[in-house]
Amino acid sequence: MIEFLQSLLDQGFAVVKLGPADPATPEELAEVLAEFDQRQRDHLAHEAPPLDLPAASWAAGLLYQAIHLLAARDVDAVGMEVILSEPCPVPRSAPVDYSVDLLFQHLPDVAKFASRMAPDDPLVGRIKKLGAAWPLSSVGMMLASWNGVKPIVNHPCLLALYTDRILRTADLARLEEPAVRQAAEEVVGAYPDLSPKVAQHLRLPLMDVPL
């Protein structure tokens, strides 16, 4: 598990073994997740919520399982559903959504890769279900629906992060939430040509940007 997390942290891609993940001590896991947290908050515009270690640990385990199942399908569809349906040990809140996102922000890439490999694979649907459960992490997956965003829009840091991802991916359906739409209008209003699709969706006038 530590090798998997460290590769994700340092190289941006995951290293998984065909067999079970090597066990990590709670101290080792806490140390590497704290590094994920620090690197993320160093690049945020507002103060991030505190790290929720149980939530981050849960997300790390599930992300590992999802990527492992991509590499080595050693269980059937029922077993896969059981593995990837393990509930988060703590209820949603700003700290929990933030902490889960430290790992689940990679879900859109995992879903994209799984879809390219086998679009009809049940794993694709299961990954999308995970994304729908955690809306901060699934921007860009172009889902039909997702869980409520109250923990996100009620925290300035998470709202800014969520809005930025919407602007970068043009995941326009996310703009139907009034607080998110307002945040997007405030960002795009001054520079609509930086995100033309969002500006058009919000019916903001485009400007000529001098080259």
Protein backbone atom coordinates (compact mmCIF):
# COMPACT_ATOMS: atom_id res chain seq x y z
CA MET A 1 0.00 0.00 0.00
CA ILE A 2 2.78 2.45 0.85
CA GLU A 3 4.53 1.76 -2.47
CA PHE A 4 1.23 2.41 -4.26
CA LEU A 5 0.62 5.69 -2.45
CA GLN A 6 4.19 6.88 -2.79
CA SER A 7 4.19 6.25 -6.54
CA LEU A 8 0.92 8.14 -6.87
CA LEU A 9 2.32 11.00 -4.82
CA ASP A 10 5.74 11.25 -6.47
CA GLN A 11 5.13 10.16 -10.06
CA GLY A 12 1.43 10.76 -10.59
CA PHE A 13 0.71 7.17 -11.55
CA ALA A 14 -0.07 4.10 -9.50
CA VAL A 15 1.99 0.97 -8.98
CA VAL A 16 -0.11 -2.02 -7.96
CA LYS A 17 0.83 -5.63 -7.41
CA LEU A 18 -1.09 -8.56 -8.87
CA GLY A 19 -1.40 -10.00 -5.38
CA PRO A 20 -2.73 -8.37 -2.21
CA ALA A 21 -1.26 -5.04 -1.18
CA ASP A 22 1.59 -5.16 1.29
CA PRO A 23 0.20 -4.24 4.71
CA ALA A 24 1.10 -0.85 6.11
CA THR A 25 1.26 0.09 9.76
CA PRO A 26 -1.14 2.85 10.91
CA GLU A 27 1.90 5.09 11.48
CA GLU A 28 3.22 4.54 7.95
CA LEU A 29 -0.18 5.18 6.42
CA ALA A 30 -0.71 8.32 8.49
CA GLU A 31 2.68 9.67 7.46
CA VAL A 32 2.17 9.29 3.72
CA LEU A 33 -1.41 10.60 3.85
CA ALA A 34 -0.20 13.64 5.76
CA GLU A 35 2.16 14.26 2.85
CA PHE A 36 -0.75 14.05 0.39
CA ASP A 37 -2.56 16.58 2.56
CA GLN A 38 0.35 19.00 2.77
CA ARG A 39 1.03 18.95 -0.97
CA GLN A 40 -2.62 19.59 -1.72
CA ARG A 41 -3.13 22.44 0.73
CA ASP A 42 0.07 24.13 -0.46
CA HIS A 43 -1.68 24.80 -3.78
CA LEU A 44 -5.08 25.91 -2.56
CA ALA A 45 -6.34 29.48 -2.53
CA HIS A 46 -8.05 29.20 0.85
CA GLU A 47 -7.36 27.33 4.04
CA ALA A 48 -8.31 23.69 3.57
CA PRO A 49 -10.34 21.71 6.10
CA PRO A 50 -8.37 19.56 8.54
CA LEU A 51 -7.29 16.11 7.42
CA ASP A 52 -9.67 13.34 8.46
CA LEU A 53 -7.35 10.35 8.64
CA PRO A 54 -10.02 7.58 8.73
CA ALA A 55 -11.66 9.03 5.61
CA ALA A 56 -8.37 9.39 3.75
CA SER A 57 -7.29 5.87 4.75
CA TRP A 58 -10.60 4.45 3.53
CA ALA A 59 -10.27 6.27 0.20
CA ALA A 60 -6.69 5.06 -0.23
CA GLY A 61 -7.80 1.46 0.23
CA LEU A 62 -10.72 1.73 -2.18
CA LEU A 63 -8.67 3.51 -4.84
CA TYR A 64 -6.04 0.78 -4.58
CA GLN A 65 -8.73 -1.88 -4.99
CA ALA A 66 -10.26 -0.17 -8.03
CA ILE A 67 -6.90 0.11 -9.79
CA HIS A 68 -5.94 -3.41 -8.75
CA LEU A 69 -9.15 -4.73 -10.32
CA LEU A 70 -8.20 -2.98 -13.54
CA ALA A 71 -4.86 -4.77 -13.58
CA ALA A 72 -5.91 -8.16 -12.23
CA ARG A 73 -9.57 -9.20 -12.31
CA ASP A 74 -9.29 -11.98 -9.75
CA VAL A 75 -12.90 -11.75 -8.53
CA ASP A 76 -16.24 -11.95 -10.31
CA ALA A 77 -18.71 -9.07 -10.68
CA VAL A 78 -20.36 -9.84 -7.35
CA GLY A 79 -17.03 -9.90 -5.54
CA MET A 80 -16.01 -6.65 -7.21
CA GLU A 81 -19.25 -5.00 -6.07
CA VAL A 82 -18.65 -6.13 -2.50
CA ILE A 83 -15.05 -4.87 -2.49
CA LEU A 84 -15.91 -1.45 -3.90
CA SER A 85 -19.05 -0.96 -1.82
CA GLU A 86 -17.29 -0.69 1.52
CA PRO A 87 -18.84 2.39 3.17
CA CYS A 88 -16.80 5.32 4.36
CA PRO A 89 -16.33 5.00 8.14
CA VAL A 90 -17.33 8.61 8.79
CA PRO A 91 -20.25 10.72 7.50
CA ARG A 92 -19.72 13.39 4.90
CA SER A 93 -18.51 16.81 6.01
CA ALA A 94 -16.06 19.37 4.64
CA PRO A 95 -13.04 17.63 6.26
CA VAL A 96 -14.23 14.22 5.06
CA ASP A 97 -14.91 15.34 1.47
CA TYR A 98 -11.52 17.05 1.38
CA SER A 99 -9.69 14.04 2.81
CA VAL A 100 -11.37 11.53 0.51
CA ASP A 101 -10.56 13.79 -2.44
CA LEU A 102 -6.84 13.57 -1.72
CA LEU A 103 -7.12 10.11 -3.30
CA PHE A 104 -10.41 10.11 -5.18
CA GLN A 105 -9.40 13.09 -7.33
CA HIS A 106 -7.81 10.35 -9.46
CA LEU A 107 -11.18 8.66 -10.09
CA PRO A 108 -11.88 10.49 -13.39
CA ASP A 109 -8.61 9.18 -14.83
CA VAL A 110 -9.30 5.67 -13.53
CA ALA A 111 -12.80 5.74 -15.02
CA LYS A 112 -11.48 6.99 -18.35
CA PHE A 113 -8.84 4.26 -18.49
CA ALA A 114 -11.35 1.56 -17.53
CA SER A 115 -13.80 2.77 -20.20
CA ARG A 116 -11.13 2.61 -22.88
CA MET A 117 -10.22 -0.92 -21.89
CA ALA A 118 -13.79 -2.26 -21.78
CA PRO A 119 -16.71 0.20 -21.92
CA ASP A 120 -19.24 -2.43 -20.81
CA ASP A 121 -17.16 -3.69 -17.89
CA PRO A 122 -19.15 -3.61 -14.62
CA LEU A 123 -16.08 -2.01 -13.05
CA VAL A 124 -16.74 1.15 -15.06
CA GLY A 125 -20.21 1.45 -13.56
CA ARG A 126 -18.91 0.81 -10.06
CA ILE A 127 -16.25 3.51 -10.41
CA LYS A 128 -18.92 5.93 -11.60
CA LYS A 129 -21.00 5.08 -8.53
CA LEU A 130 -18.03 6.00 -6.36
CA GLY A 131 -17.69 9.24 -8.27
CA ALA A 132 -21.37 10.04 -7.84
CA ALA A 133 -21.04 9.53 -4.10
CA TRP A 134 -18.17 12.03 -3.91
CA PRO A 135 -18.97 15.01 -6.16
CA LEU A 136 -15.84 17.01 -5.38
CA SER A 137 -13.71 14.22 -6.80
CA SER A 138 -15.79 13.33 -9.85
CA VAL A 139 -15.90 16.62 -11.74
CA GLY A 140 -15.22 15.86 -15.39
CA MET A 141 -16.72 12.37 -15.29
CA MET A 142 -19.89 13.85 -16.85
CA LEU A 143 -22.20 11.89 -14.56
CA ALA A 144 -25.98 12.01 -14.84
CA SER A 145 -26.37 12.64 -11.10
CA TRP A 146 -24.34 12.88 -7.91
CA ASN A 147 -24.75 13.34 -4.18
CA GLY A 148 -25.50 16.72 -2.65
CA VAL A 149 -22.79 19.34 -2.57
CA LYS A 150 -23.66 21.07 0.72
CA PRO A 151 -20.34 20.16 2.43
CA ILE A 152 -18.56 21.62 -0.60
CA VAL A 153 -20.44 24.88 -1.16
CA ASN A 154 -20.44 25.70 2.55
CA HIS A 155 -16.64 25.75 2.69
CA PRO A 156 -14.75 28.49 0.76
CA CYS A 157 -11.76 26.28 -0.03
CA LEU A 158 -13.80 23.37 -1.34
CA LEU A 159 -16.14 25.63 -3.31
CA ALA A 160 -13.16 27.29 -5.00
CA LEU A 161 -11.59 23.91 -5.77
CA TYR A 162 -14.88 22.51 -7.09
CA THR A 163 -15.49 25.57 -9.25
CA ASP A 164 -11.98 25.49 -10.68
CA ARG A 165 -12.41 21.86 -11.72
CA ILE A 166 -15.76 22.64 -13.35
CA LEU A 167 -14.18 25.45 -15.35
CA ARG A 168 -11.26 23.27 -16.44
CA THR A 169 -13.41 20.32 -17.51
CA ALA A 170 -16.52 22.21 -18.66
CA ASP A 171 -18.68 19.82 -16.64
CA LEU A 172 -21.64 22.09 -17.25
CA ALA A 173 -24.29 20.10 -15.41
CA ARG A 174 -22.55 20.95 -12.14
CA LEU A 175 -23.47 24.60 -12.65
CA GLU A 176 -27.14 23.93 -11.91
CA GLU A 177 -26.41 24.28 -8.19
CA PRO A 178 -27.06 28.01 -7.46
CA ALA A 179 -24.04 28.52 -5.18
CA VAL A 180 -21.75 26.84 -7.71
CA ARG A 181 -23.21 28.85 -10.56
CA GLN A 182 -22.65 32.08 -8.65
CA ALA A 183 -19.05 31.13 -7.88
CA ALA A 184 -18.43 30.30 -11.54
CA GLU A 185 -19.96 33.60 -12.67
CA GLU A 186 -17.67 35.49 -10.32
CA VAL A 187 -14.59 33.75 -11.69
CA VAL A 188 -15.52 33.72 -15.37
CA GLY A 189 -17.23 37.10 -15.43
CA ALA A 190 -14.01 39.08 -15.74
CA TYR A 191 -12.31 36.64 -18.13
CA PRO A 192 -15.02 34.74 -20.04
CA ASP A 193 -12.69 33.76 -22.88
CA LEU A 194 -10.61 31.71 -20.50
CA SER A 195 -13.51 29.24 -20.29
CA PRO A 196 -15.70 29.84 -23.34
CA LYS A 197 -17.96 26.80 -22.88
CA VAL A 198 -18.79 27.80 -19.33
CA ALA A 199 -19.21 31.45 -20.31
CA GLN A 200 -21.61 30.46 -23.07
CA HIS A 201 -23.55 28.22 -20.72
CA LEU A 202 -23.80 31.07 -18.22
CA ARG A 203 -24.68 33.43 -21.07
CA LEU A 204 -21.75 35.70 -20.33
CA PRO A 205 -20.52 37.91 -23.22
CA LEU A 206 -17.24 36.81 -24.79
CA MET A 207 -14.45 39.33 -25.29
CA ASP A 208 -11.59 39.48 -27.71
CA VAL A 209 -8.39 38.52 -25.96
CA PRO A 210 -5.37 40.33 -27.46
CA LEU A 211 -2.59 37.99 -28.57
